[in-house]
Amino acid sequence: MISPVDEILVRWEKDGAISPLRFSWGGRSWQVDSVGRSWRDDTGCHILCTVGGAAVYELILTPALAWQVRPPAGPLAG
């Protein structure tokens, strides 16, 4: 299930990469522990982020410049 992100803080790197630092969604705030694989396709720029020590979220910056999140399958960490 993909949902809109309520708020997000990212760092734009000199090489154009996006490094998410934290985001809020579903009434909770999440600190990004690490950033993994990223890719681009027709639906936007996808970034895998580890939060809560183990849960992997997919953050998506759409072509309309809106952020979305796909939560991990299973129980949420944190």
PDB file of N, CA and C in Angstrom:
ATOM      1  N   MET A   1       0.843  -1.178   0.000  1.00  0.00           N
ATOM      2  CA  MET A   1       0.000   0.000   0.000  1.00  0.00           C
ATOM      3  C   MET A   1       0.889   1.243   0.000  1.00  0.00           C
ATOM      4  N   ILE A   2       0.746   2.074  -0.978  1.00  0.00           N
ATOM      5  CA  ILE A   2       1.502   3.322  -1.077  1.00  0.00           C
ATOM      6  C   ILE A   2       0.629   4.448  -0.563  1.00  0.00           C
ATOM      7  N   SER A   3       1.202   5.305   0.300  1.00  0.00           N
ATOM      8  CA  SER A   3       0.472   6.417   0.906  1.00  0.00           C
ATOM      9  C   SER A   3       1.283   7.699   0.790  1.00  0.00           C
ATOM     10  N   PRO A   4       0.625   8.857   0.858  1.00  0.00           N
ATOM     11  CA  PRO A   4       1.358  10.120   0.865  1.00  0.00           C
ATOM     12  C   PRO A   4       2.148  10.280   2.167  1.00  0.00           C
ATOM     13  N   VAL A   5       3.311  10.887   2.071  1.00  0.00           N
ATOM     14  CA  VAL A   5       4.119  11.216   3.241  1.00  0.00           C
ATOM     15  C   VAL A   5       3.578  12.524   3.809  1.00  0.00           C
ATOM     16  N   ASP A   6       3.460  12.611   5.141  1.00  0.00           N
ATOM     17  CA  ASP A   6       2.974  13.843   5.761  1.00  0.00           C
ATOM     18  C   ASP A   6       4.035  14.938   5.721  1.00  0.00           C
ATOM     19  N   GLU A   7       5.273  14.572   6.031  1.00  0.00           N
ATOM     20  CA  GLU A   7       6.379  15.530   6.064  1.00  0.00           C
ATOM     21  C   GLU A   7       7.683  14.763   5.852  1.00  0.00           C
ATOM     22  N   ILE A   8       8.655  15.399   5.201  1.00  0.00           N
ATOM     23  CA  ILE A   8       9.929  14.722   4.962  1.00  0.00           C
ATOM     24  C   ILE A   8      11.070  15.730   5.005  1.00  0.00           C
ATOM     25  N   LEU A   9      12.208  15.292   5.503  1.00  0.00           N
ATOM     26  CA  LEU A   9      13.430  16.087   5.499  1.00  0.00           C
ATOM     27  C   LEU A   9      14.469  15.286   4.724  1.00  0.00           C
ATOM     28  N   VAL A  10      14.994  15.879   3.659  1.00  0.00           N
ATOM     29  CA  VAL A  10      16.008  15.208   2.840  1.00  0.00           C
ATOM     30  C   VAL A  10      17.207  16.124   2.667  1.00  0.00           C
ATOM     31  N   ARG A  11      18.326  15.512   2.322  1.00  0.00           N
ATOM     32  CA  ARG A  11      19.526  16.266   1.960  1.00  0.00           C
ATOM     33  C   ARG A  11      19.786  15.981   0.481  1.00  0.00           C
ATOM     34  N   TRP A  12      19.943  17.044  -0.297  1.00  0.00           N
ATOM     35  CA  TRP A  12      20.271  16.901  -1.709  1.00  0.00           C
ATOM     36  C   TRP A  12      21.790  16.939  -1.824  1.00  0.00           C
ATOM     37  N   GLU A  13      22.373  15.874  -2.327  1.00  0.00           N
ATOM     38  CA  GLU A  13      23.823  15.760  -2.446  1.00  0.00           C
ATOM     39  C   GLU A  13      24.310  16.508  -3.690  1.00  0.00           C
ATOM     40  N   LYS A  14      25.593  16.837  -3.719  1.00  0.00           N
ATOM     41  CA  LYS A  14      26.171  17.564  -4.853  1.00  0.00           C
ATOM     42  C   LYS A  14      26.033  16.809  -6.161  1.00  0.00           C
ATOM     43  N   ASP A  15      26.026  15.480  -6.089  1.00  0.00           N
ATOM     44  CA  ASP A  15      25.906  14.668  -7.306  1.00  0.00           C
ATOM     45  C   ASP A  15      24.455  14.466  -7.745  1.00  0.00           C
ATOM     46  N   GLY A  16      23.510  15.100  -7.037  1.00  0.00           N
ATOM     47  CA  GLY A  16      22.097  14.990  -7.383  1.00  0.00           C
ATOM     48  C   GLY A  16      21.347  13.906  -6.637  1.00  0.00           C
ATOM     49  N   ALA A  17      22.079  13.100  -5.862  1.00  0.00           N
ATOM     50  CA  ALA A  17      21.421  12.048  -5.071  1.00  0.00           C
ATOM     51  C   ALA A  17      20.592  12.669  -3.949  1.00  0.00           C
ATOM     52  N   ILE A  18      19.563  11.953  -3.551  1.00  0.00           N
ATOM     53  CA  ILE A  18      18.681  12.395  -2.465  1.00  0.00           C
ATOM     54  C   ILE A  18      18.910  11.487  -1.266  1.00  0.00           C
ATOM     55  N   SER A  19      19.184  12.092  -0.112  1.00  0.00           N
ATOM     56  CA  SER A  19      19.384  11.322   1.127  1.00  0.00           C
ATOM     57  C   SER A  19      18.298  11.689   2.131  1.00  0.00           C
ATOM     58  N   PRO A  20      17.264  10.854   2.270  1.00  0.00           N
ATOM     59  CA  PRO A  20      16.239  11.123   3.277  1.00  0.00           C
ATOM     60  C   PRO A  20      16.836  11.047   4.689  1.00  0.00           C
ATOM     61  N   LEU A  21      16.449  11.978   5.552  1.00  0.00           N
ATOM     62  CA  LEU A  21      16.925  12.009   6.932  1.00  0.00           C
ATOM     63  C   LEU A  21      15.842  11.582   7.910  1.00  0.00           C
ATOM     64  N   ARG A  22      14.618  12.033   7.679  1.00  0.00           N
ATOM     65  CA  ARG A  22      13.480  11.600   8.493  1.00  0.00           C
ATOM     66  C   ARG A  22      12.190  11.943   7.751  1.00  0.00           C
ATOM     67  N   PHE A  23      11.119  11.235   8.155  1.00  0.00           N
ATOM     68  CA  PHE A  23       9.818  11.482   7.544  1.00  0.00           C
ATOM     69  C   PHE A  23       8.723  11.139   8.539  1.00  0.00           C
ATOM     70  N   SER A  24       7.551  11.710   8.315  1.00  0.00           N
ATOM     71  CA  SER A  24       6.392  11.358   9.137  1.00  0.00           C
ATOM     72  C   SER A  24       5.297  10.852   8.209  1.00  0.00           C
ATOM     73  N   TRP A  25       4.597   9.857   8.733  1.00  0.00           N
ATOM     74  CA  TRP A  25       3.549   9.193   7.969  1.00  0.00           C
ATOM     75  C   TRP A  25       2.699   8.407   8.955  1.00  0.00           C
ATOM     76  N   GLY A  26       1.413   8.440   8.764  1.00  0.00           N
ATOM     77  CA  GLY A  26       0.513   7.663   9.614  1.00  0.00           C
ATOM     78  C   GLY A  26       0.544   8.074  11.074  1.00  0.00           C
ATOM     79  N   GLY A  27       0.798   9.354  11.331  1.00  0.00           N
ATOM     80  CA  GLY A  27       0.810   9.836  12.709  1.00  0.00           C
ATOM     81  C   GLY A  27       2.094   9.546  13.472  1.00  0.00           C
ATOM     82  N   ARG A  28       3.111   9.030  12.794  1.00  0.00           N
ATOM     83  CA  ARG A  28       4.388   8.717  13.446  1.00  0.00           C
ATOM     84  C   ARG A  28       5.533   9.355  12.689  1.00  0.00           C
ATOM     85  N   SER A  29       6.600   9.641  13.422  1.00  0.00           N
ATOM     86  CA  SER A  29       7.817  10.163  12.799  1.00  0.00           C
ATOM     87  C   SER A  29       8.866   9.071  12.791  1.00  0.00           C
ATOM     88  N   TRP A  30       9.619   9.007  11.706  1.00  0.00           N
ATOM     89  CA  TRP A  30      10.633   7.984  11.524  1.00  0.00           C
ATOM     90  C   TRP A  30      11.972   8.632  11.221  1.00  0.00           C
ATOM     91  N   GLN A  31      12.996   8.278  11.984  1.00  0.00           N
ATOM     92  CA  GLN A  31      14.369   8.691  11.729  1.00  0.00           C
ATOM     93  C   GLN A  31      14.988   7.665  10.786  1.00  0.00           C
ATOM     94  N   VAL A  32      15.605   8.108   9.700  1.00  0.00           N
ATOM     95  CA  VAL A  32      16.228   7.196   8.752  1.00  0.00           C
ATOM     96  C   VAL A  32      17.594   6.782   9.296  1.00  0.00           C
ATOM     97  N   ASP A  33      17.774   5.483   9.506  1.00  0.00           N
ATOM     98  CA  ASP A  33      19.057   4.951  10.000  1.00  0.00           C
ATOM     99  C   ASP A  33      20.072   4.818   8.874  1.00  0.00           C
ATOM    100  N   SER A  34      19.615   4.344   7.712  1.00  0.00           N
ATOM    101  CA  SER A  34      20.513   4.192   6.564  1.00  0.00           C
ATOM    102  C   SER A  34      19.706   4.206   5.276  1.00  0.00           C
ATOM    103  N   VAL A  35      20.390   4.561   4.211  1.00  0.00           N
ATOM    104  CA  VAL A  35      19.776   4.607   2.880  1.00  0.00           C
ATOM    105  C   VAL A  35      20.421   3.509   2.047  1.00  0.00           C
ATOM    106  N   GLY A  36      19.582   2.736   1.392  1.00  0.00           N
ATOM    107  CA  GLY A  36      20.083   1.645   0.565  1.00  0.00           C
ATOM    108  C   GLY A  36      19.948   1.946  -0.907  1.00  0.00           C
ATOM    109  N   ARG A  37      19.493   0.973  -1.628  1.00  0.00           N
ATOM    110  CA  ARG A  37      19.373   1.056  -3.082  1.00  0.00           C
ATOM    111  C   ARG A  37      18.378   2.136  -3.493  1.00  0.00           C
ATOM    112  N   SER A  38      18.645   2.763  -4.623  1.00  0.00           N
ATOM    113  CA  SER A  38      17.699   3.720  -5.203  1.00  0.00           C
ATOM    114  C   SER A  38      17.645   3.489  -6.710  1.00  0.00           C
ATOM    115  N   TRP A  39      16.520   3.849  -7.305  1.00  0.00           N
ATOM    116  CA  TRP A  39      16.344   3.700  -8.743  1.00  0.00           C
ATOM    117  C   TRP A  39      15.270   4.656  -9.215  1.00  0.00           C
ATOM    118  N   ARG A  40      15.233   4.866 -10.517  1.00  0.00           N
ATOM    119  CA  ARG A  40      14.217   5.726 -11.135  1.00  0.00           C
ATOM    120  C   ARG A  40      13.457   4.919 -12.182  1.00  0.00           C
ATOM    121  N   ASP A  41      12.155   5.201 -12.243  1.00  0.00           N
ATOM    122  CA  ASP A  41      11.322   4.622 -13.293  1.00  0.00           C
ATOM    123  C   ASP A  41      10.221   5.612 -13.626  1.00  0.00           C
ATOM    124  N   ASP A  42       9.216   5.186 -14.358  1.00  0.00           N
ATOM    125  CA  ASP A  42       8.141   6.101 -14.765  1.00  0.00           C
ATOM    126  C   ASP A  42       7.335   6.639 -13.591  1.00  0.00           C
ATOM    127  N   THR A  43       7.347   5.939 -12.448  1.00  0.00           N
ATOM    128  CA  THR A  43       6.558   6.391 -11.294  1.00  0.00           C
ATOM    129  C   THR A  43       7.350   7.316 -10.371  1.00  0.00           C
ATOM    130  N   GLY A  44       8.659   7.479 -10.618  1.00  0.00           N
ATOM    131  CA  GLY A  44       9.436   8.418  -9.824  1.00  0.00           C
ATOM    132  C   GLY A  44      10.784   7.889  -9.395  1.00  0.00           C
ATOM    133  N   CYS A  45      11.350   8.558  -8.413  1.00  0.00           N
ATOM    134  CA  CYS A  45      12.637   8.188  -7.826  1.00  0.00           C
ATOM    135  C   CYS A  45      12.348   7.400  -6.548  1.00  0.00           C
ATOM    136  N   HIS A  46      12.814   6.167  -6.485  1.00  0.00           N
ATOM    137  CA  HIS A  46      12.552   5.269  -5.366  1.00  0.00           C
ATOM    138  C   HIS A  46      13.813   5.149  -4.509  1.00  0.00           C
ATOM    139  N   ILE A  47      13.642   5.226  -3.187  1.00  0.00           N
ATOM    140  CA  ILE A  47      14.775   5.130  -2.265  1.00  0.00           C
ATOM    141  C   ILE A  47      14.398   4.191  -1.131  1.00  0.00           C
ATOM    142  N   LEU A  48      15.210   3.160  -0.909  1.00  0.00           N
ATOM    143  CA  LEU A  48      14.977   2.247   0.206  1.00  0.00           C
ATOM    144  C   LEU A  48      15.691   2.786   1.438  1.00  0.00           C
ATOM    145  N   CYS A  49      14.969   2.857   2.572  1.00  0.00           N
ATOM    146  CA  CYS A  49      15.508   3.409   3.812  1.00  0.00           C
ATOM    147  C   CYS A  49      15.242   2.441   4.963  1.00  0.00           C
ATOM    148  N   THR A  50      16.246   2.258   5.806  1.00  0.00           N
ATOM    149  CA  THR A  50      16.075   1.459   7.011  1.00  0.00           C
ATOM    150  C   THR A  50      15.748   2.402   8.165  1.00  0.00           C
ATOM    151  N   VAL A  51      14.698   2.080   8.908  1.00  0.00           N
ATOM    152  CA  VAL A  51      14.304   2.862  10.087  1.00  0.00           C
ATOM    153  C   VAL A  51      14.080   1.893  11.248  1.00  0.00           C
ATOM    154  N   GLY A  52      14.206   2.385  12.456  1.00  0.00           N
ATOM    155  CA  GLY A  52      13.947   1.551  13.618  1.00  0.00           C
ATOM    156  C   GLY A  52      14.866   0.355  13.726  1.00  0.00           C
ATOM    157  N   GLY A  53      16.018   0.428  13.081  1.00  0.00           N
ATOM    158  CA  GLY A  53      16.993  -0.647  13.173  1.00  0.00           C
ATOM    159  C   GLY A  53      16.771  -1.816  12.231  1.00  0.00           C
ATOM    160  N   ALA A  54      15.565  -1.965  11.675  1.00  0.00           N
ATOM    161  CA  ALA A  54      15.348  -3.149  10.840  1.00  0.00           C
ATOM    162  C   ALA A  54      14.312  -2.960   9.731  1.00  0.00           C
ATOM    163  N   ALA A  55      13.314  -2.125   9.934  1.00  0.00           N
ATOM    164  CA  ALA A  55      12.235  -1.995   8.948  1.00  0.00           C
ATOM    165  C   ALA A  55      12.717  -1.212   7.730  1.00  0.00           C
ATOM    166  N   VAL A  56      12.391  -1.712   6.534  1.00  0.00           N
ATOM    167  CA  VAL A  56      12.789  -1.045   5.297  1.00  0.00           C
ATOM    168  C   VAL A  56      11.557  -0.420   4.656  1.00  0.00           C
ATOM    169  N   TYR A  57      11.609   0.897   4.498  1.00  0.00           N
ATOM    170  CA  TYR A  57      10.548   1.653   3.845  1.00  0.00           C
ATOM    171  C   TYR A  57      11.033   2.067   2.470  1.00  0.00           C
ATOM    172  N   GLU A  58      10.110   2.157   1.537  1.00  0.00           N
ATOM    173  CA  GLU A  58      10.421   2.675   0.209  1.00  0.00           C
ATOM    174  C   GLU A  58       9.814   4.071   0.101  1.00  0.00           C
ATOM    175  N   LEU A  59      10.662   5.071  -0.054  1.00  0.00           N
ATOM    176  CA  LEU A  59      10.203   6.440  -0.261  1.00  0.00           C
ATOM    177  C   LEU A  59      10.255   6.720  -1.753  1.00  0.00           C
ATOM    178  N   ILE A  60       9.213   7.373  -2.259  1.00  0.00           N
ATOM    179  CA  ILE A  60       9.093   7.619  -3.690  1.00  0.00           C
ATOM    180  C   ILE A  60       8.829   9.107  -3.917  1.00  0.00           C
ATOM    181  N   LEU A  61       9.689   9.745  -4.696  1.00  0.00           N
ATOM    182  CA  LEU A  61       9.457  11.117  -5.141  1.00  0.00           C
ATOM    183  C   LEU A  61       8.847  11.017  -6.533  1.00  0.00           C
ATOM    184  N   THR A  62       7.569  11.363  -6.647  1.00  0.00           N
ATOM    185  CA  THR A  62       6.840  11.203  -7.904  1.00  0.00           C
ATOM    186  C   THR A  62       7.217  12.301  -8.893  1.00  0.00           C
ATOM    187  N   PRO A  63       6.891  12.114 -10.178  1.00  0.00           N
ATOM    188  CA  PRO A  63       7.139  13.170 -11.171  1.00  0.00           C
ATOM    189  C   PRO A  63       6.423  14.482 -10.835  1.00  0.00           C
ATOM    190  N   ALA A  64       5.349  14.417 -10.041  1.00  0.00           N
ATOM    191  CA  ALA A  64       4.626  15.621  -9.611  1.00  0.00           C
ATOM    192  C   ALA A  64       5.273  16.258  -8.378  1.00  0.00           C
ATOM    193  N   LEU A  65       6.449  15.742  -7.977  1.00  0.00           N
ATOM    194  CA  LEU A  65       7.213  16.218  -6.813  1.00  0.00           C
ATOM    195  C   LEU A  65       6.468  16.031  -5.496  1.00  0.00           C
ATOM    196  N   ALA A  66       5.690  14.968  -5.409  1.00  0.00           N
ATOM    197  CA  ALA A  66       5.011  14.582  -4.168  1.00  0.00           C
ATOM    198  C   ALA A  66       5.721  13.351  -3.621  1.00  0.00           C
ATOM    199  N   TRP A  67       5.910  13.308  -2.304  1.00  0.00           N
ATOM    200  CA  TRP A  67       6.544  12.146  -1.674  1.00  0.00           C
ATOM    201  C   TRP A  67       5.494  11.134  -1.260  1.00  0.00           C
ATOM    202  N   GLN A  68       5.799   9.873  -1.499  1.00  0.00           N
ATOM    203  CA  GLN A  68       4.946   8.764  -1.091  1.00  0.00           C
ATOM    204  C   GLN A  68       5.804   7.747  -0.348  1.00  0.00           C
ATOM    205  N   VAL A  69       5.139   6.889   0.426  1.00  0.00           N
ATOM    206  CA  VAL A  69       5.856   5.856   1.163  1.00  0.00           C
ATOM    207  C   VAL A  69       5.159   4.517   0.987  1.00  0.00           C
ATOM    208  N   ARG A  70       5.980   3.478   0.834  1.00  0.00           N
ATOM    209  CA  ARG A  70       5.478   2.108   0.849  1.00  0.00           C
ATOM    210  C   ARG A  70       6.080   1.482   2.109  1.00  0.00           C
ATOM    211  N   PRO A  71       5.239   1.178   3.111  1.00  0.00           N
ATOM    212  CA  PRO A  71       5.765   0.596   4.358  1.00  0.00           C
ATOM    213  C   PRO A  71       6.225  -0.836   4.171  1.00  0.00           C
ATOM    214  N   PRO A  72       7.020  -1.336   5.099  1.00  0.00           N
ATOM    215  CA  PRO A  72       7.468  -2.729   5.006  1.00  0.00           C
ATOM    216  C   PRO A  72       6.306  -3.693   5.199  1.00  0.00           C
ATOM    217  N   ALA A  73       6.449  -4.871   4.656  1.00  0.00           N
ATOM    218  CA  ALA A  73       5.451  -5.906   4.889  1.00  0.00           C
ATOM    219  C   ALA A  73       5.635  -6.429   6.308  1.00  0.00           C
ATOM    220  N   GLY A  74       4.571  -6.800   6.963  1.00  0.00           N
ATOM    221  CA  GLY A  74       4.671  -7.327   8.318  1.00  0.00           C
ATOM    222  C   GLY A  74       4.574  -6.241   9.361  1.00  0.00           C
ATOM    223  N   PRO A  75       4.904  -6.576  10.626  1.00  0.00           N
ATOM    224  CA  PRO A  75       4.798  -5.598  11.718  1.00  0.00           C
ATOM    225  C   PRO A  75       5.744  -4.422  11.515  1.00  0.00           C
ATOM    226  N   LEU A  76       5.286  -3.228  11.900  1.00  0.00           N
ATOM    227  CA  LEU A  76       6.099  -2.023  11.774  1.00  0.00           C
ATOM    228  C   LEU A  76       7.072  -1.927  12.937  1.00  0.00           C
ATOM    229  N   ALA A  77       8.285  -1.508  12.643  1.00  0.00           N
ATOM    230  CA  ALA A  77       9.301  -1.318  13.690  1.00  0.00           C
ATOM    231  C   ALA A  77       9.061  -0.007  14.409  1.00  0.00           C
ATOM    232  N   GLY A  78       9.659   0.115  15.578  1.00  0.00           N
ATOM    233  CA  GLY A  78       9.607   1.386  16.308  1.00  0.00           C
ATOM    234  C   GLY A  78       8.633   1.310  17.394  1.00  0.00           C
TER     235      GLY A  78
END
